[in-house]
Amino acid sequence: MKKLSSLIILFILTGCVSQAKIVSGTVKSEPIYMPAANVVSSVSLGETMMYQAFGWNVDCISPIRTKSESFSMGMYKYEIKANEKFCADSTGSNVFKAGYDVITPANGSSYTIVEVRKKDGTSDLCMSGYTSYCLNYQSDEISRGTEFKSAMNSLQQSIEYMGREGDTAKFLYTEFKDGMARSAFNREFIVDLTAGSSLNFKGAEVEIINATNTTLEYRVKNYFN
């Protein structure tokens, strides 16, 4: 019965409907550095002050309103939930992955969302790319951003500011692989500010301009090597 239901849904979605234009985008891994070198930057306690990775940035959208539409005499419902983030897998793609079933009942299946930008400035968010099943959004009804996708088996490195105690500034170094922190490669370290204003760790060099217990002002001179 479950298999039959899936076949019925597939028939509904593929019968007599046109496809939205899909832009596949590109996957081009490149080194990512944060923040830019040789400029004054600042972070608060617990924030990442330095990040180095290998991968690519992808577009993400987050609709700020829930919208839905029923079809097939009310048997099925296509719904986009508010404040749910959809991200692409490649740079420049208009295909976004949904973290939930956008069509119900769906028997646990997940669907992609294809964004079709229109001349009037609005966007159609189309289920699986079928233009017969789209929900229209005004430009101010979609929040946009980016997300970093790490290359498989690549190493990501970061330093987090942990505050100041007296003349000592504390930091946390973390290594990530495939987006997961490597517990054996987390290390806290300190910088004695009376001995100088330079942080040197694993090839990274940072000039400490001003450190308090809650904020850090600094300049990255060199990244990890």
N, C-alpha and C. Protein backbone atom coordinates (compact mmCIF):
# COMPACT_ATOMS: atom_id res chain seq x y z
N MET A 1 0.83 -1.20 0.00
CA MET A 1 0.00 0.00 0.00
C MET A 1 0.87 1.25 0.00
N LYS A 2 1.96 1.21 0.80
CA LYS A 2 2.86 2.36 0.88
C LYS A 2 3.51 2.62 -0.47
N LYS A 3 3.92 1.54 -1.16
CA LYS A 3 4.53 1.68 -2.47
C LYS A 3 3.54 2.25 -3.47
N LEU A 4 2.29 1.81 -3.39
CA LEU A 4 1.26 2.30 -4.29
C LEU A 4 1.03 3.79 -4.09
N SER A 5 1.01 4.24 -2.82
CA SER A 5 0.82 5.67 -2.53
C SER A 5 1.94 6.50 -3.14
N SER A 6 3.18 6.00 -3.04
CA SER A 6 4.32 6.71 -3.61
C SER A 6 4.19 6.82 -5.12
N LEU A 7 3.72 5.74 -5.76
CA LEU A 7 3.55 5.76 -7.20
C LEU A 7 2.46 6.75 -7.62
N ILE A 8 1.42 6.84 -6.81
CA ILE A 8 0.34 7.80 -7.10
C ILE A 8 0.86 9.22 -7.04
N ILE A 9 1.65 9.52 -5.99
CA ILE A 9 2.23 10.86 -5.86
C ILE A 9 3.13 11.16 -7.04
N LEU A 10 3.97 10.19 -7.43
CA LEU A 10 4.87 10.38 -8.55
C LEU A 10 4.09 10.66 -9.82
N PHE A 11 2.98 9.94 -10.02
CA PHE A 11 2.15 10.15 -11.21
C PHE A 11 1.56 11.55 -11.22
N ILE A 12 1.10 12.00 -10.04
CA ILE A 12 0.51 13.33 -9.94
C ILE A 12 1.53 14.41 -10.29
N LEU A 13 2.77 14.21 -9.81
CA LEU A 13 3.80 15.23 -10.00
C LEU A 13 4.36 15.25 -11.41
N THR A 14 4.28 14.14 -12.13
CA THR A 14 4.90 14.07 -13.44
C THR A 14 3.90 14.17 -14.59
N GLY A 15 2.66 14.08 -14.29
CA GLY A 15 1.65 14.10 -15.34
C GLY A 15 1.21 15.51 -15.68
N CYS A 16 1.40 15.89 -16.95
CA CYS A 16 0.87 17.15 -17.47
C CYS A 16 1.38 18.37 -16.71
N VAL A 17 2.62 18.38 -16.29
CA VAL A 17 3.18 19.56 -15.64
C VAL A 17 4.50 19.89 -16.31
N SER A 18 4.87 21.18 -16.28
CA SER A 18 6.12 21.61 -16.89
C SER A 18 7.19 21.77 -15.82
N GLN A 19 8.43 21.68 -16.24
CA GLN A 19 9.55 21.75 -15.31
C GLN A 19 10.09 23.17 -15.22
N ALA A 20 10.39 23.61 -14.00
CA ALA A 20 11.07 24.88 -13.81
C ALA A 20 12.52 24.73 -14.23
N LYS A 21 13.11 25.79 -14.76
CA LYS A 21 14.50 25.73 -15.19
C LYS A 21 15.42 25.55 -13.99
N ILE A 22 16.25 24.52 -14.07
CA ILE A 22 17.16 24.20 -12.97
C ILE A 22 18.57 24.63 -13.34
N VAL A 23 19.19 25.39 -12.46
CA VAL A 23 20.58 25.80 -12.61
C VAL A 23 21.40 24.95 -11.64
N SER A 24 22.22 24.08 -12.18
CA SER A 24 22.94 23.14 -11.32
C SER A 24 24.06 23.79 -10.53
N GLY A 25 24.64 24.88 -11.06
CA GLY A 25 25.73 25.54 -10.36
C GLY A 25 27.04 24.77 -10.51
N THR A 26 28.04 25.19 -9.75
CA THR A 26 29.36 24.56 -9.83
C THR A 26 29.87 24.23 -8.43
N VAL A 27 30.70 23.21 -8.36
CA VAL A 27 31.37 22.85 -7.12
C VAL A 27 32.86 23.07 -7.34
N LYS A 28 33.37 24.15 -6.80
CA LYS A 28 34.78 24.49 -6.98
C LYS A 28 35.39 24.76 -5.62
N SER A 29 36.16 23.82 -5.15
CA SER A 29 36.78 23.96 -3.83
C SER A 29 37.91 24.98 -3.89
N GLU A 30 37.97 25.83 -2.89
CA GLU A 30 39.02 26.82 -2.79
C GLU A 30 39.24 27.15 -1.32
N PRO A 31 40.43 27.67 -0.99
CA PRO A 31 40.68 28.01 0.41
C PRO A 31 39.83 29.19 0.85
N ILE A 32 39.28 29.09 2.05
CA ILE A 32 38.46 30.14 2.62
C ILE A 32 39.17 30.66 3.88
N TYR A 33 39.35 31.98 3.95
CA TYR A 33 40.01 32.58 5.11
C TYR A 33 39.07 33.60 5.74
N MET A 34 39.03 33.60 7.06
CA MET A 34 38.20 34.55 7.79
C MET A 34 38.92 34.96 9.08
N PRO A 35 39.04 36.26 9.34
CA PRO A 35 38.67 37.41 8.52
C PRO A 35 39.76 37.71 7.49
N ALA A 36 39.59 38.80 6.76
CA ALA A 36 40.61 39.20 5.80
C ALA A 36 41.90 39.54 6.54
N ALA A 37 43.02 39.25 5.92
CA ALA A 37 44.31 39.52 6.55
C ALA A 37 44.63 41.01 6.53
N ASN A 38 45.39 41.43 7.53
CA ASN A 38 45.93 42.79 7.61
C ASN A 38 44.87 43.89 7.73
N VAL A 39 43.72 43.53 8.28
CA VAL A 39 42.70 44.53 8.60
C VAL A 39 42.32 44.34 10.07
N VAL A 40 41.92 45.40 10.73
CA VAL A 40 41.54 45.32 12.14
C VAL A 40 40.17 44.67 12.26
N SER A 41 40.09 43.62 13.07
CA SER A 41 38.84 42.91 13.29
C SER A 41 38.56 42.84 14.78
N SER A 42 37.33 42.49 15.15
CA SER A 42 36.98 42.37 16.56
C SER A 42 35.96 41.25 16.75
N VAL A 43 36.03 40.58 17.89
CA VAL A 43 35.07 39.53 18.25
C VAL A 43 34.73 39.67 19.72
N SER A 44 33.64 39.05 20.10
CA SER A 44 33.25 39.00 21.50
C SER A 44 33.65 37.66 22.10
N LEU A 45 33.52 37.55 23.39
CA LEU A 45 33.87 36.33 24.11
C LEU A 45 33.12 35.13 23.53
N GLY A 46 33.86 34.07 23.21
CA GLY A 46 33.26 32.86 22.69
C GLY A 46 33.07 32.81 21.19
N GLU A 47 33.43 33.88 20.49
CA GLU A 47 33.27 33.91 19.05
C GLU A 47 34.55 33.45 18.35
N THR A 48 34.38 32.95 17.13
CA THR A 48 35.52 32.53 16.33
C THR A 48 36.24 33.75 15.78
N MET A 49 37.52 33.86 16.07
CA MET A 49 38.28 35.03 15.63
C MET A 49 39.08 34.74 14.36
N MET A 50 39.25 33.46 14.04
CA MET A 50 40.07 33.09 12.88
C MET A 50 39.62 31.73 12.37
N TYR A 51 39.48 31.63 11.04
CA TYR A 51 38.97 30.39 10.46
C TYR A 51 39.63 30.16 9.11
N GLN A 52 40.06 28.93 8.89
CA GLN A 52 40.68 28.56 7.62
C GLN A 52 40.13 27.21 7.18
N ALA A 53 39.69 27.11 5.94
CA ALA A 53 39.07 25.87 5.47
C ALA A 53 39.24 25.75 3.97
N PHE A 54 38.79 24.61 3.44
CA PHE A 54 38.86 24.34 2.01
C PHE A 54 37.50 23.83 1.58
N GLY A 55 36.85 24.56 0.70
CA GLY A 55 35.51 24.19 0.27
C GLY A 55 34.89 25.27 -0.58
N TRP A 56 33.59 25.49 -0.42
CA TRP A 56 32.92 26.49 -1.23
C TRP A 56 31.71 27.02 -0.47
N ASN A 57 31.30 28.23 -0.84
CA ASN A 57 30.11 28.85 -0.24
C ASN A 57 28.90 28.63 -1.14
N VAL A 58 27.78 28.31 -0.53
CA VAL A 58 26.53 28.09 -1.28
C VAL A 58 25.47 29.06 -0.79
N ASP A 59 24.49 29.31 -1.64
CA ASP A 59 23.38 30.18 -1.28
C ASP A 59 22.37 29.44 -0.42
N CYS A 60 21.78 30.16 0.51
CA CYS A 60 20.70 29.63 1.35
C CYS A 60 19.55 30.62 1.37
N ILE A 61 18.34 30.11 1.47
CA ILE A 61 17.16 30.96 1.60
C ILE A 61 16.37 30.52 2.82
N SER A 62 15.69 31.48 3.43
CA SER A 62 14.85 31.19 4.59
C SER A 62 13.57 32.02 4.49
N PRO A 63 12.48 31.44 3.99
CA PRO A 63 11.21 32.16 3.91
C PRO A 63 10.75 32.61 5.29
N ILE A 64 10.23 33.81 5.40
CA ILE A 64 9.82 34.33 6.70
C ILE A 64 8.31 34.19 6.92
N ARG A 65 7.63 33.59 5.96
CA ARG A 65 6.20 33.32 6.10
C ARG A 65 5.90 31.89 5.70
N THR A 66 5.01 31.25 6.43
CA THR A 66 4.53 29.92 6.05
C THR A 66 3.45 30.07 4.99
N LYS A 67 3.62 29.31 3.91
CA LYS A 67 2.61 29.31 2.85
C LYS A 67 2.34 27.87 2.44
N SER A 68 1.10 27.61 2.02
CA SER A 68 0.75 26.25 1.60
C SER A 68 -0.35 26.29 0.57
N GLU A 69 -0.48 25.18 -0.14
CA GLU A 69 -1.53 25.05 -1.15
C GLU A 69 -1.88 23.57 -1.30
N SER A 70 -3.17 23.28 -1.32
CA SER A 70 -3.63 21.90 -1.49
C SER A 70 -3.91 21.63 -2.96
N PHE A 71 -3.77 20.36 -3.36
CA PHE A 71 -4.05 19.99 -4.74
C PHE A 71 -4.58 18.56 -4.76
N SER A 72 -4.98 18.11 -5.95
CA SER A 72 -5.59 16.78 -6.13
C SER A 72 -6.79 16.60 -5.21
N MET A 73 -7.72 17.60 -5.31
CA MET A 73 -8.96 17.57 -4.53
C MET A 73 -8.69 17.51 -3.03
N GLY A 74 -7.63 18.17 -2.62
CA GLY A 74 -7.31 18.26 -1.21
C GLY A 74 -6.60 17.06 -0.63
N MET A 75 -6.21 16.11 -1.47
CA MET A 75 -5.54 14.91 -0.97
C MET A 75 -4.11 15.21 -0.49
N TYR A 76 -3.47 16.20 -1.13
CA TYR A 76 -2.09 16.50 -0.80
C TYR A 76 -1.92 17.99 -0.54
N LYS A 77 -0.91 18.32 0.22
CA LYS A 77 -0.63 19.71 0.54
C LYS A 77 0.85 20.00 0.35
N TYR A 78 1.13 21.08 -0.37
CA TYR A 78 2.49 21.57 -0.56
C TYR A 78 2.67 22.75 0.39
N GLU A 79 3.66 22.66 1.29
CA GLU A 79 3.83 23.69 2.32
C GLU A 79 5.29 24.08 2.49
N ILE A 80 5.53 25.38 2.55
CA ILE A 80 6.84 25.95 2.89
C ILE A 80 6.72 26.56 4.27
N LYS A 81 7.53 26.09 5.21
CA LYS A 81 7.44 26.57 6.58
C LYS A 81 8.33 27.79 6.80
N ALA A 82 7.84 28.68 7.62
CA ALA A 82 8.59 29.90 7.94
C ALA A 82 9.84 29.56 8.75
N ASN A 83 10.90 30.33 8.48
CA ASN A 83 12.15 30.26 9.26
C ASN A 83 12.87 28.93 9.16
N GLU A 84 12.55 28.15 8.14
CA GLU A 84 13.31 26.94 7.83
C GLU A 84 14.33 27.28 6.75
N LYS A 85 15.58 26.90 6.97
CA LYS A 85 16.63 27.25 6.02
C LYS A 85 16.81 26.16 4.97
N PHE A 86 16.85 26.58 3.71
CA PHE A 86 17.13 25.69 2.59
C PHE A 86 18.45 26.10 1.96
N CYS A 87 19.36 25.17 1.77
CA CYS A 87 20.65 25.50 1.19
C CYS A 87 20.91 24.65 -0.06
N ALA A 88 21.66 25.22 -0.98
CA ALA A 88 22.06 24.50 -2.19
C ALA A 88 23.30 23.67 -1.89
N ASP A 89 23.66 22.82 -2.84
CA ASP A 89 24.87 22.01 -2.70
C ASP A 89 26.04 22.57 -3.50
N SER A 90 25.75 23.49 -4.43
CA SER A 90 26.79 24.03 -5.28
C SER A 90 26.62 25.54 -5.44
N THR A 91 27.68 26.21 -5.83
CA THR A 91 27.67 27.66 -6.00
C THR A 91 26.86 28.05 -7.23
N GLY A 92 25.95 29.00 -7.05
CA GLY A 92 25.16 29.48 -8.19
C GLY A 92 23.97 28.63 -8.54
N SER A 93 23.65 27.63 -7.74
CA SER A 93 22.51 26.76 -8.02
C SER A 93 21.22 27.37 -7.48
N ASN A 94 20.11 27.09 -8.16
CA ASN A 94 18.79 27.52 -7.66
C ASN A 94 17.99 26.35 -7.10
N VAL A 95 18.68 25.25 -6.84
CA VAL A 95 18.04 24.06 -6.26
C VAL A 95 18.42 23.97 -4.79
N PHE A 96 17.43 24.01 -3.91
CA PHE A 96 17.66 24.03 -2.47
C PHE A 96 17.07 22.79 -1.83
N LYS A 97 17.80 22.23 -0.89
CA LYS A 97 17.33 21.02 -0.20
C LYS A 97 16.45 21.38 0.98
N ALA A 98 15.32 20.70 1.07
CA ALA A 98 14.42 20.89 2.20
C ALA A 98 14.76 19.88 3.29
N GLY A 99 14.70 20.32 4.53
CA GLY A 99 14.99 19.44 5.65
C GLY A 99 13.77 18.70 6.16
N TYR A 100 12.68 18.82 5.45
CA TYR A 100 11.44 18.17 5.85
C TYR A 100 10.63 17.88 4.58
N ASP A 101 9.57 17.11 4.71
CA ASP A 101 8.71 16.80 3.56
C ASP A 101 7.86 18.02 3.24
N VAL A 102 8.08 18.60 2.07
CA VAL A 102 7.30 19.79 1.69
C VAL A 102 5.93 19.40 1.13
N ILE A 103 5.75 18.13 0.81
CA ILE A 103 4.44 17.65 0.37
C ILE A 103 3.97 16.58 1.34
N THR A 104 2.74 16.67 1.77
CA THR A 104 2.18 15.67 2.70
C THR A 104 0.84 15.17 2.16
N PRO A 105 0.54 13.86 2.35
CA PRO A 105 1.44 12.85 2.93
C PRO A 105 2.52 12.45 1.93
N ALA A 106 3.72 12.17 2.44
CA ALA A 106 4.84 11.91 1.53
C ALA A 106 5.56 10.61 1.83
N ASN A 107 5.11 9.87 2.85
CA ASN A 107 5.72 8.58 3.19
C ASN A 107 7.22 8.70 3.46
N GLY A 108 7.60 9.79 4.12
CA GLY A 108 9.00 9.95 4.50
C GLY A 108 9.89 10.48 3.40
N SER A 109 9.34 10.75 2.21
CA SER A 109 10.17 11.27 1.11
C SER A 109 10.50 12.73 1.35
N SER A 110 11.66 13.14 0.86
CA SER A 110 12.06 14.54 0.96
C SER A 110 12.14 15.12 -0.44
N TYR A 111 11.85 16.40 -0.57
CA TYR A 111 11.84 17.03 -1.87
C TYR A 111 12.75 18.25 -1.90
N THR A 112 13.18 18.58 -3.09
CA THR A 112 13.97 19.79 -3.27
C THR A 112 13.06 20.94 -3.68
N ILE A 113 13.56 22.14 -3.46
CA ILE A 113 12.85 23.35 -3.84
C ILE A 113 13.64 24.04 -4.94
N VAL A 114 12.99 24.42 -6.02
CA VAL A 114 13.63 25.17 -7.08
C VAL A 114 13.10 26.59 -7.06
N GLU A 115 14.00 27.56 -6.97
CA GLU A 115 13.57 28.96 -6.96
C GLU A 115 13.58 29.51 -8.38
N VAL A 116 12.45 30.07 -8.79
CA VAL A 116 12.33 30.72 -10.09
C VAL A 116 12.11 32.21 -9.84
N ARG A 117 13.14 33.00 -10.13
CA ARG A 117 13.02 34.45 -9.95
C ARG A 117 12.29 35.06 -11.13
N LYS A 118 11.29 35.91 -10.84
CA LYS A 118 10.43 36.45 -11.88
C LYS A 118 10.75 37.92 -12.15
N LYS A 119 10.30 38.40 -13.30
CA LYS A 119 10.60 39.77 -13.71
C LYS A 119 10.00 40.82 -12.78
N ASP A 120 8.91 40.47 -12.09
CA ASP A 120 8.28 41.44 -11.19
C ASP A 120 8.98 41.52 -9.83
N GLY A 121 10.10 40.80 -9.67
CA GLY A 121 10.86 40.86 -8.42
C GLY A 121 10.47 39.81 -7.41
N THR A 122 9.42 39.07 -7.68
CA THR A 122 9.02 38.00 -6.76
C THR A 122 9.73 36.69 -7.15
N SER A 123 9.57 35.69 -6.30
CA SER A 123 10.16 34.38 -6.57
C SER A 123 9.12 33.30 -6.37
N ASP A 124 9.10 32.34 -7.29
CA ASP A 124 8.29 31.14 -7.11
C ASP A 124 9.19 30.06 -6.52
N LEU A 125 8.75 29.46 -5.43
CA LEU A 125 9.45 28.32 -4.85
C LEU A 125 8.68 27.09 -5.26
N CYS A 126 9.26 26.34 -6.21
CA CYS A 126 8.56 25.24 -6.85
C CYS A 126 9.03 23.90 -6.32
N MET A 127 8.10 23.06 -5.95
CA MET A 127 8.41 21.74 -5.42
C MET A 127 9.01 20.86 -6.50
N SER A 128 10.23 20.39 -6.26
CA SER A 128 10.92 19.48 -7.16
C SER A 128 11.06 20.04 -8.58
N GLY A 129 10.83 21.35 -8.74
CA GLY A 129 11.01 21.96 -10.04
C GLY A 129 9.78 21.96 -10.93
N TYR A 130 8.63 21.50 -10.43
CA TYR A 130 7.42 21.47 -11.24
C TYR A 130 6.68 22.79 -11.09
N THR A 131 6.50 23.51 -12.21
CA THR A 131 5.90 24.84 -12.15
C THR A 131 4.41 24.82 -11.81
N SER A 132 3.81 23.65 -11.79
CA SER A 132 2.40 23.57 -11.38
C SER A 132 2.26 23.58 -9.86
N TYR A 133 3.37 23.40 -9.15
CA TYR A 133 3.32 23.35 -7.69
C TYR A 133 4.32 24.35 -7.14
N CYS A 134 3.93 25.62 -7.17
CA CYS A 134 4.81 26.71 -6.74
C CYS A 134 4.07 27.61 -5.77
N LEU A 135 4.84 28.20 -4.86
CA LEU A 135 4.32 29.21 -3.94
C LEU A 135 5.08 30.50 -4.19
N ASN A 136 4.36 31.60 -4.35
CA ASN A 136 4.99 32.86 -4.72
C ASN A 136 5.35 33.68 -3.48
N TYR A 137 6.56 34.24 -3.50
CA TYR A 137 7.06 35.05 -2.39
C TYR A 137 7.55 36.40 -2.88
N GLN A 138 7.18 37.45 -2.14
CA GLN A 138 7.74 38.77 -2.39
C GLN A 138 9.22 38.77 -1.98
N SER A 139 9.98 39.72 -2.50
CA SER A 139 11.42 39.76 -2.21
C SER A 139 11.70 39.92 -0.72
N ASP A 140 10.83 40.66 -0.01
CA ASP A 140 11.05 40.87 1.42
C ASP A 140 10.50 39.73 2.28
N GLU A 141 9.98 38.68 1.64
CA GLU A 141 9.48 37.53 2.37
C GLU A 141 10.49 36.38 2.40
N ILE A 142 11.67 36.62 1.83
CA ILE A 142 12.72 35.61 1.81
C ILE A 142 14.01 36.21 2.34
N SER A 143 14.55 35.61 3.39
CA SER A 143 15.85 36.02 3.92
C SER A 143 16.93 35.20 3.20
N ARG A 144 18.01 35.86 2.81
CA ARG A 144 19.06 35.19 2.04
C ARG A 144 20.40 35.24 2.77
N GLY A 145 21.19 34.21 2.56
CA GLY A 145 22.51 34.16 3.17
C GLY A 145 23.36 33.11 2.48
N THR A 146 24.49 32.79 3.05
CA THR A 146 25.37 31.77 2.51
C THR A 146 25.78 30.80 3.60
N GLU A 147 26.22 29.64 3.19
CA GLU A 147 26.71 28.63 4.12
C GLU A 147 27.94 27.96 3.50
N PHE A 148 28.91 27.66 4.34
CA PHE A 148 30.13 27.05 3.85
C PHE A 148 29.98 25.53 3.78
N LYS A 149 30.37 24.96 2.66
CA LYS A 149 30.38 23.51 2.49
C LYS A 149 31.83 23.06 2.41
N SER A 150 32.24 22.22 3.32
CA SER A 150 33.63 21.77 3.34
C SER A 150 33.85 20.65 2.34
N ALA A 151 35.01 20.67 1.71
CA ALA A 151 35.37 19.60 0.79
C ALA A 151 35.61 18.31 1.58
N MET A 152 35.25 17.19 0.99
CA MET A 152 35.39 15.90 1.66
C MET A 152 36.85 15.65 2.06
N ASN A 153 37.03 15.22 3.30
CA ASN A 153 38.34 14.89 3.86
C ASN A 153 39.27 16.10 4.00
N SER A 154 38.73 17.31 3.89
CA SER A 154 39.57 18.50 4.05
C SER A 154 39.60 18.91 5.52
N LEU A 155 40.62 19.64 5.87
CA LEU A 155 40.81 20.09 7.25
C LEU A 155 40.38 21.53 7.40
N GLN A 156 39.57 21.79 8.44
CA GLN A 156 39.21 23.16 8.79
C GLN A 156 39.81 23.48 10.15
N GLN A 157 40.34 24.68 10.29
CA GLN A 157 40.99 25.09 11.54
C GLN A 157 40.41 26.42 12.00
N SER A 158 40.27 26.55 13.32
CA SER A 158 39.73 27.80 13.85
C SER A 158 40.34 28.10 15.22
N ILE A 159 40.31 29.38 15.57
CA ILE A 159 40.71 29.84 16.91
C ILE A 159 39.56 30.67 17.46
N GLU A 160 39.18 30.36 18.68
CA GLU A 160 38.08 31.05 19.36
C GLU A 160 38.65 31.84 20.55
N TYR A 161 38.12 33.04 20.75
CA TYR A 161 38.58 33.86 21.87
C TYR A 161 37.84 33.46 23.14
N MET A 162 38.62 33.17 24.21
CA MET A 162 38.04 32.68 25.46
C MET A 162 38.14 33.68 26.61
N GLY A 163 38.56 34.92 26.31
CA GLY A 163 38.56 35.94 27.35
C GLY A 163 39.94 36.22 27.91
N ARG A 164 39.97 37.12 28.87
CA ARG A 164 41.22 37.55 29.49
C ARG A 164 41.13 37.46 31.00
N GLU A 165 42.22 37.00 31.61
CA GLU A 165 42.36 36.99 33.06
C GLU A 165 43.68 37.65 33.40
N GLY A 166 43.61 38.82 33.98
CA GLY A 166 44.83 39.56 34.31
C GLY A 166 45.59 39.90 33.04
N ASP A 167 46.84 39.46 32.98
CA ASP A 167 47.68 39.72 31.81
C ASP A 167 47.70 38.55 30.84
N THR A 168 46.76 37.64 30.99
CA THR A 168 46.73 36.46 30.14
C THR A 168 45.46 36.41 29.30
N ALA A 169 45.63 36.24 27.97
CA ALA A 169 44.50 36.07 27.06
C ALA A 169 44.38 34.59 26.71
N LYS A 170 43.15 34.07 26.73
CA LYS A 170 42.94 32.64 26.51
C LYS A 170 42.26 32.39 25.16
N PHE A 171 42.66 31.27 24.54
CA PHE A 171 42.15 30.93 23.22
C PHE A 171 41.88 29.42 23.13
N LEU A 172 41.02 29.04 22.19
CA LEU A 172 40.72 27.63 21.94
C LEU A 172 40.94 27.34 20.46
N TYR A 173 41.85 26.42 20.19
CA TYR A 173 42.12 25.98 18.82
C TYR A 173 41.34 24.70 18.55
N THR A 174 40.66 24.64 17.39
CA THR A 174 39.87 23.46 17.03
C THR A 174 40.12 23.08 15.59
N GLU A 175 40.20 21.78 15.36
CA GLU A 175 40.28 21.26 14.00
C GLU A 175 38.99 20.53 13.66
N PHE A 176 38.51 20.71 12.45
CA PHE A 176 37.31 20.06 11.96
C PHE A 176 37.66 19.25 10.72
N LYS A 177 36.95 18.16 10.53
CA LYS A 177 37.07 17.37 9.31
C LYS A 177 35.69 16.92 8.90
N ASP A 178 35.34 17.21 7.64
CA ASP A 178 34.00 16.89 7.12
C ASP A 178 32.92 17.55 7.98
N GLY A 179 33.20 18.76 8.48
CA GLY A 179 32.23 19.50 9.26
C GLY A 179 32.09 19.08 10.70
N MET A 180 32.87 18.08 11.15
CA MET A 180 32.78 17.57 12.52
C MET A 180 34.07 17.91 13.28
N ALA A 181 33.91 18.38 14.50
CA ALA A 181 35.06 18.70 15.33
C ALA A 181 35.81 17.43 15.69
N ARG A 182 37.12 17.48 15.62
CA ARG A 182 37.97 16.34 15.98
C ARG A 182 38.39 16.54 17.43
N SER A 183 37.78 15.77 18.34
CA SER A 183 37.96 16.01 19.78
C SER A 183 39.41 15.94 20.21
N ALA A 184 40.20 15.09 19.56
CA ALA A 184 41.60 14.95 19.94
C ALA A 184 42.44 16.15 19.50
N PHE A 185 41.85 17.04 18.71
CA PHE A 185 42.60 18.17 18.18
C PHE A 185 42.05 19.50 18.68
N ASN A 186 41.37 19.49 19.83
CA ASN A 186 40.96 20.71 20.51
C ASN A 186 42.01 21.05 21.55
N ARG A 187 42.46 22.27 21.56
CA ARG A 187 43.52 22.62 22.50
C ARG A 187 43.36 24.06 22.97
N GLU A 188 43.36 24.24 24.27
CA GLU A 188 43.36 25.58 24.84
C GLU A 188 44.80 26.06 24.99
N PHE A 189 45.02 27.33 24.73
CA PHE A 189 46.34 27.90 24.94
C PHE A 189 46.20 29.35 25.37
N ILE A 190 47.26 29.91 25.91
CA ILE A 190 47.23 31.26 26.45
C ILE A 190 48.33 32.10 25.81
N VAL A 191 48.14 33.40 25.87
CA VAL A 191 49.16 34.36 25.44
C VAL A 191 49.42 35.31 26.60
N ASP A 192 50.68 35.38 27.01
CA ASP A 192 51.08 36.30 28.08
C ASP A 192 51.26 37.68 27.46
N LEU A 193 50.35 38.58 27.77
CA LEU A 193 50.36 39.89 27.15
C LEU A 193 51.51 40.77 27.64
N THR A 194 52.11 40.40 28.77
CA THR A 194 53.26 41.17 29.25
C THR A 194 54.52 40.86 28.44
N ALA A 195 54.48 39.72 27.73
CA ALA A 195 55.65 39.32 26.93
C ALA A 195 55.55 39.79 25.48
N GLY A 196 54.46 40.42 25.13
CA GLY A 196 54.27 40.90 23.76
C GLY A 196 52.82 40.83 23.35
N SER A 197 52.53 41.33 22.16
CA SER A 197 51.15 41.41 21.70
C SER A 197 50.93 40.52 20.47
N SER A 198 51.74 39.49 20.34
CA SER A 198 51.63 38.62 19.17
C SER A 198 51.20 37.22 19.56
N LEU A 199 50.23 36.68 18.82
CA LEU A 199 49.79 35.29 18.97
C LEU A 199 50.41 34.49 17.83
N ASN A 200 51.14 33.44 18.15
CA ASN A 200 51.75 32.56 17.14
C ASN A 200 51.37 31.12 17.46
N PHE A 201 50.63 30.48 16.55
CA PHE A 201 50.16 29.12 16.82
C PHE A 201 49.94 28.38 15.51
N LYS A 202 50.63 27.26 15.33
CA LYS A 202 50.51 26.43 14.12
C LYS A 202 50.66 27.24 12.85
N GLY A 203 51.61 28.17 12.86
CA GLY A 203 51.88 28.98 11.69
C GLY A 203 51.06 30.24 11.61
N ALA A 204 49.98 30.31 12.38
CA ALA A 204 49.15 31.51 12.38
C ALA A 204 49.82 32.60 13.20
N GLU A 205 49.75 33.82 12.71
CA GLU A 205 50.30 34.96 13.44
C GLU A 205 49.24 36.05 13.51
N VAL A 206 48.95 36.48 14.74
CA VAL A 206 47.91 37.47 14.98
C VAL A 206 48.45 38.56 15.89
N GLU A 207 48.24 39.80 15.50
CA GLU A 207 48.60 40.95 16.35
C GLU A 207 47.41 41.27 17.26
N ILE A 208 47.63 41.21 18.56
CA ILE A 208 46.58 41.56 19.52
C ILE A 208 46.65 43.04 19.80
N ILE A 209 45.62 43.76 19.42
CA ILE A 209 45.58 45.22 19.59
C ILE A 209 45.02 45.59 20.95
N ASN A 210 43.90 44.96 21.31
CA ASN A 210 43.29 45.23 22.62
C ASN A 210 42.48 44.02 23.05
N ALA A 211 42.73 43.54 24.26
CA ALA A 211 42.02 42.37 24.79
C ALA A 211 41.40 42.69 26.13
N THR A 212 40.09 42.45 26.24
CA THR A 212 39.40 42.58 27.52
C THR A 212 38.79 41.22 27.84
N ASN A 213 38.08 41.12 28.93
CA ASN A 213 37.45 39.85 29.28
C ASN A 213 36.27 39.51 28.38
N THR A 214 35.78 40.50 27.63
CA THR A 214 34.60 40.26 26.79
C THR A 214 34.84 40.50 25.30
N THR A 215 35.87 41.24 24.93
CA THR A 215 36.10 41.55 23.52
C THR A 215 37.58 41.45 23.18
N LEU A 216 37.84 41.24 21.90
CA LEU A 216 39.21 41.20 21.39
C LEU A 216 39.28 41.98 20.09
N GLU A 217 40.24 42.87 20.01
CA GLU A 217 40.52 43.61 18.78
C GLU A 217 41.89 43.13 18.28
N TYR A 218 41.97 42.77 17.01
CA TYR A 218 43.17 42.10 16.53
C TYR A 218 43.34 42.28 15.02
N ARG A 219 44.49 41.83 14.53
CA ARG A 219 44.79 41.87 13.10
C ARG A 219 45.50 40.57 12.71
N VAL A 220 44.95 39.83 11.76
CA VAL A 220 45.57 38.59 11.29
C VAL A 220 46.68 38.94 10.30
N LYS A 221 47.89 38.44 10.59
CA LYS A 221 49.01 38.67 9.69
C LYS A 221 49.29 37.46 8.80
N ASN A 222 49.20 36.27 9.37
CA ASN A 222 49.41 35.04 8.60
C ASN A 222 48.41 33.98 9.07
N TYR A 223 48.03 33.10 8.14
CA TYR A 223 47.11 32.02 8.48
C TYR A 223 47.87 30.74 8.78
N PHE A 224 47.15 29.69 9.11
CA PHE A 224 47.77 28.41 9.46
C PHE A 224 48.58 27.86 8.28
N ASN A 225 49.60 27.11 8.60
CA ASN A 225 50.34 26.43 7.52
C ASN A 225 50.57 24.97 7.90
